[in-house]
Amino acid sequence: METIYIGVIAIALVGQTPAPIKTPYPVEMRIKHEAEIRSGPDRTYYATARMSAGDKVTVLYVVPDNSDWFAIAPPKKSFSWIKGKFLRTINEKMAFVNAQEPVDVYPGSLLVEKKPNAVSAALVHGAIVVISERPRKIEGEQWYPIAPLPSEVRYVHKKDVALPKEAALVTPGPDDSPMLLQRIESLEKRIRELEEHIKK
């Protein structure tokens, strides 16, 4: 009879298996060594910035189709490009989009100044942008540097960042409460008592 009780208790313990560990984002990480931040999740995309060891980045998510890369919030000093012909300035610092079709926005680069080709967002007519610097001529076209949009991201390879300790990534679930842990300890103790009783 006692062995049946042990089985029931064991089943109760199995049924209380903690939920899988989940990684909460955003999470802050540090650059391990000098690394380039890119406009897309692949080294074929142009670099937008270069960061030094110890610099902080805010990781937003793991790229679904390329898990070797993190999508991060645009680092400090980041900017984006938009073609001047689609803007109407309000003042020196603000402008709005004036176009019938959505207008592409591109990550700007602090390392090279060439015509961008990696679209990071799109804006519709009337959208307001913040101008960060004077417009520039790139390959014969006028481009405005603007503040990155809230939806924009940049990319860093996983090997370039120091992953936080596992404890920093764990989100306690409903099955990780102190009450449950106490219950498990109590059940384990009861199993040991029953086992000792059977041996007698």
Protein backbone atom coordinates (compact mmCIF):
# COMPACT_ATOMS: atom_id res chain seq x y z
CA MET A 1 0.00 0.00 0.00
CA GLU A 2 2.84 2.34 0.87
CA THR A 3 4.41 1.86 -2.58
CA ILE A 4 1.20 3.06 -4.20
CA TYR A 5 1.43 6.24 -2.18
CA ILE A 6 4.99 6.74 -3.37
CA GLY A 7 3.87 6.36 -6.97
CA VAL A 8 1.10 8.90 -6.50
CA ILE A 9 3.54 11.39 -4.98
CA ALA A 10 6.03 10.83 -7.78
CA ILE A 11 3.32 11.51 -10.35
CA ALA A 12 2.42 14.71 -8.52
CA LEU A 13 6.05 15.83 -8.76
CA VAL A 14 6.24 15.05 -12.48
CA GLY A 15 3.07 17.05 -13.08
CA GLN A 16 4.72 20.10 -11.52
CA THR A 17 7.69 20.30 -13.93
CA PRO A 18 8.79 23.95 -14.17
CA ALA A 19 7.94 25.78 -17.37
CA PRO A 20 10.70 26.09 -20.02
CA ILE A 21 13.12 28.96 -19.50
CA LYS A 22 12.17 32.00 -21.55
CA THR A 23 14.41 34.88 -22.59
CA PRO A 24 12.86 38.29 -21.95
CA TYR A 25 13.60 41.04 -24.42
CA PRO A 26 14.75 43.74 -24.57
CA VAL A 27 17.92 42.85 -22.68
CA GLU A 28 21.14 44.83 -22.35
CA MET A 29 24.38 43.19 -23.48
CA ARG A 30 27.96 44.37 -23.92
CA ILE A 31 30.20 44.22 -26.96
CA LYS A 32 33.06 41.73 -26.38
CA HIS A 33 35.55 43.25 -28.79
CA GLU A 34 35.58 45.80 -31.58
CA ALA A 35 32.62 44.94 -33.79
CA GLU A 36 30.61 46.34 -36.65
CA ILE A 37 26.90 46.98 -36.41
CA ARG A 38 25.12 46.26 -39.68
CA SER A 39 22.06 47.31 -41.64
CA GLY A 40 20.89 43.70 -42.00
CA PRO A 41 21.44 40.26 -40.43
CA ASP A 42 24.32 39.23 -42.68
CA ARG A 43 27.85 40.47 -43.38
CA THR A 44 26.82 41.33 -46.93
CA TYR A 45 24.80 44.26 -45.53
CA TYR A 46 26.73 47.49 -45.15
CA ALA A 47 28.08 48.45 -41.72
CA THR A 48 26.39 51.35 -39.96
CA ALA A 49 28.72 51.80 -36.97
CA ARG A 50 31.74 50.37 -35.20
CA MET A 51 31.58 49.67 -31.48
CA SER A 52 34.29 49.02 -28.92
CA ALA A 53 34.66 46.37 -26.23
CA GLY A 54 32.42 47.18 -23.29
CA ASP A 55 29.94 49.28 -25.26
CA LYS A 56 26.33 48.50 -24.41
CA VAL A 57 23.64 47.45 -26.88
CA THR A 58 19.96 46.77 -26.31
CA VAL A 59 19.01 43.43 -27.84
CA LEU A 60 15.39 43.36 -29.03
CA TYR A 61 15.13 39.84 -30.44
CA VAL A 62 16.91 37.00 -32.21
CA VAL A 63 16.49 37.23 -35.98
CA PRO A 64 13.94 34.50 -36.85
CA ASP A 65 15.53 33.38 -40.12
CA ASN A 66 19.13 33.77 -38.97
CA SER A 67 19.59 32.93 -35.29
CA ASP A 68 23.28 33.91 -35.36
CA TRP A 69 22.22 37.56 -35.36
CA PHE A 70 20.56 39.84 -32.84
CA ALA A 71 18.31 42.74 -33.80
CA ILE A 72 19.26 45.68 -31.60
CA ALA A 73 18.02 49.19 -30.96
CA PRO A 74 19.99 51.67 -33.05
CA PRO A 75 23.04 52.63 -30.96
CA LYS A 76 23.86 56.20 -29.98
CA LYS A 77 24.68 58.54 -32.87
CA SER A 78 22.69 56.33 -35.29
CA PHE A 79 20.68 57.98 -38.03
CA SER A 80 18.64 56.99 -41.06
CA TRP A 81 18.34 58.23 -44.63
CA ILE A 82 15.32 59.40 -46.58
CA LYS A 83 15.27 60.96 -50.03
CA GLY A 84 14.86 64.73 -49.92
CA LYS A 85 12.43 64.83 -52.85
CA PHE A 86 9.81 63.14 -50.65
CA LEU A 87 10.10 65.64 -47.78
CA ARG A 88 8.66 69.05 -47.07
CA THR A 89 10.48 70.87 -44.31
CA ILE A 90 8.57 72.44 -41.44
CA ASN A 91 11.67 74.02 -39.91
CA GLU A 92 15.37 73.19 -39.57
CA LYS A 93 14.65 70.17 -37.40
CA MET A 94 11.37 68.78 -38.67
CA ALA A 95 9.81 67.72 -41.94
CA PHE A 96 6.86 65.68 -43.19
CA VAL A 97 6.56 63.09 -45.93
CA ASN A 98 4.90 64.37 -49.08
CA ALA A 99 4.28 61.41 -51.35
CA GLN A 100 1.37 59.37 -52.64
CA GLU A 101 3.14 56.04 -52.07
CA PRO A 102 5.04 54.84 -48.97
CA VAL A 103 8.58 56.19 -48.85
CA ASP A 104 11.49 53.94 -47.88
CA VAL A 105 13.80 54.74 -44.99
CA TYR A 106 17.35 53.36 -44.92
CA PRO A 107 19.89 52.86 -42.10
CA GLY A 108 22.58 55.52 -42.18
CA SER A 109 26.26 54.67 -41.84
CA LEU A 110 28.87 56.41 -39.72
CA LEU A 111 31.59 54.54 -41.61
CA VAL A 112 30.84 55.03 -45.28
CA GLU A 113 28.86 57.59 -47.24
CA LYS A 114 27.32 55.89 -50.22
CA LYS A 115 23.85 55.36 -51.55
CA PRO A 116 22.05 53.09 -49.06
CA ASN A 117 20.28 49.95 -50.27
CA ALA A 118 18.92 48.23 -47.14
CA VAL A 119 15.35 49.34 -46.41
CA SER A 120 14.58 49.46 -42.69
CA ALA A 121 11.14 51.12 -42.67
CA ALA A 122 8.58 52.97 -44.78
CA LEU A 123 6.63 56.14 -44.12
CA VAL A 124 3.30 57.29 -45.50
CA HIS A 125 2.17 60.76 -46.51
CA GLY A 126 2.08 63.17 -43.60
CA ALA A 127 4.49 61.27 -41.36
CA ILE A 128 6.73 63.58 -39.34
CA VAL A 129 10.49 63.03 -39.19
CA VAL A 130 13.22 64.67 -37.12
CA ILE A 131 16.09 66.02 -39.21
CA SER A 132 19.44 65.29 -37.56
CA GLU A 133 21.77 67.09 -39.97
CA ARG A 134 21.79 69.11 -43.16
CA PRO A 135 20.86 67.24 -46.37
CA ARG A 136 23.66 65.75 -48.45
CA LYS A 137 24.16 64.90 -52.09
CA ILE A 138 24.85 61.22 -52.66
CA GLU A 139 25.31 60.05 -56.24
CA GLY A 140 23.46 63.11 -57.51
CA GLU A 141 20.43 62.79 -55.20
CA GLN A 142 19.58 64.79 -52.12
CA TRP A 143 19.24 62.73 -48.93
CA TYR A 144 18.22 63.85 -45.45
CA PRO A 145 19.75 62.29 -42.33
CA ILE A 146 16.91 61.75 -39.86
CA ALA A 147 16.56 60.30 -36.37
CA PRO A 148 15.91 56.53 -36.48
CA LEU A 149 12.24 55.61 -36.33
CA PRO A 150 10.94 53.72 -33.26
CA SER A 151 10.36 50.62 -35.42
CA GLU A 152 13.89 50.52 -36.82
CA VAL A 153 16.60 48.10 -35.74
CA ARG A 154 20.24 47.42 -36.47
CA TYR A 155 22.05 44.08 -36.29
CA VAL A 156 24.99 42.54 -34.46
CA HIS A 157 26.41 39.03 -34.69
CA LYS A 158 26.00 36.90 -31.56
CA LYS A 159 29.72 36.19 -31.31
CA ASP A 160 30.36 39.93 -30.93
CA VAL A 161 28.37 40.30 -27.71
CA ALA A 162 28.84 38.90 -24.22
CA LEU A 163 25.70 36.98 -23.35
CA PRO A 164 24.38 37.70 -19.84
CA LYS A 165 24.41 34.96 -17.23
CA GLU A 166 21.51 32.52 -17.48
CA ALA A 167 19.96 33.94 -14.33
CA ALA A 168 19.56 37.29 -16.04
CA LEU A 169 17.59 35.65 -18.85
CA VAL A 170 15.15 33.65 -16.77
CA THR A 171 11.62 34.93 -16.40
CA PRO A 172 10.04 33.26 -13.35
CA GLY A 173 6.89 31.47 -14.40
CA PRO A 174 3.83 30.51 -12.36
CA ASP A 175 5.41 27.13 -11.60
CA ASP A 176 8.51 28.71 -10.05
CA SER A 177 6.79 30.27 -7.06
CA PRO A 178 8.23 29.71 -3.55
CA MET A 179 5.00 27.99 -2.52
CA LEU A 180 5.45 25.32 -5.20
CA LEU A 181 9.10 24.77 -4.30
CA GLN A 182 8.10 24.26 -0.66
CA ARG A 183 5.46 21.79 -1.76
CA ILE A 184 7.98 19.82 -3.81
CA GLU A 185 10.42 19.72 -0.89
CA SER A 186 7.60 18.50 1.37
CA LEU A 187 6.66 15.75 -1.10
CA GLU A 188 10.27 14.66 -1.47
CA LYS A 189 10.58 14.46 2.30
CA ARG A 190 7.38 12.38 2.45
CA ILE A 191 8.77 9.98 -0.17
CA ARG A 192 11.94 9.47 1.88
CA GLU A 193 9.87 8.81 5.02
CA LEU A 194 7.73 6.23 3.22
CA GLU A 195 10.79 4.53 1.75
CA GLU A 196 12.32 4.26 5.22
CA HIS A 197 9.04 2.89 6.58
CA ILE A 198 8.93 0.18 3.87
CA LYS A 199 12.49 -0.93 4.66
CA LYS A 200 11.56 -1.61 8.28
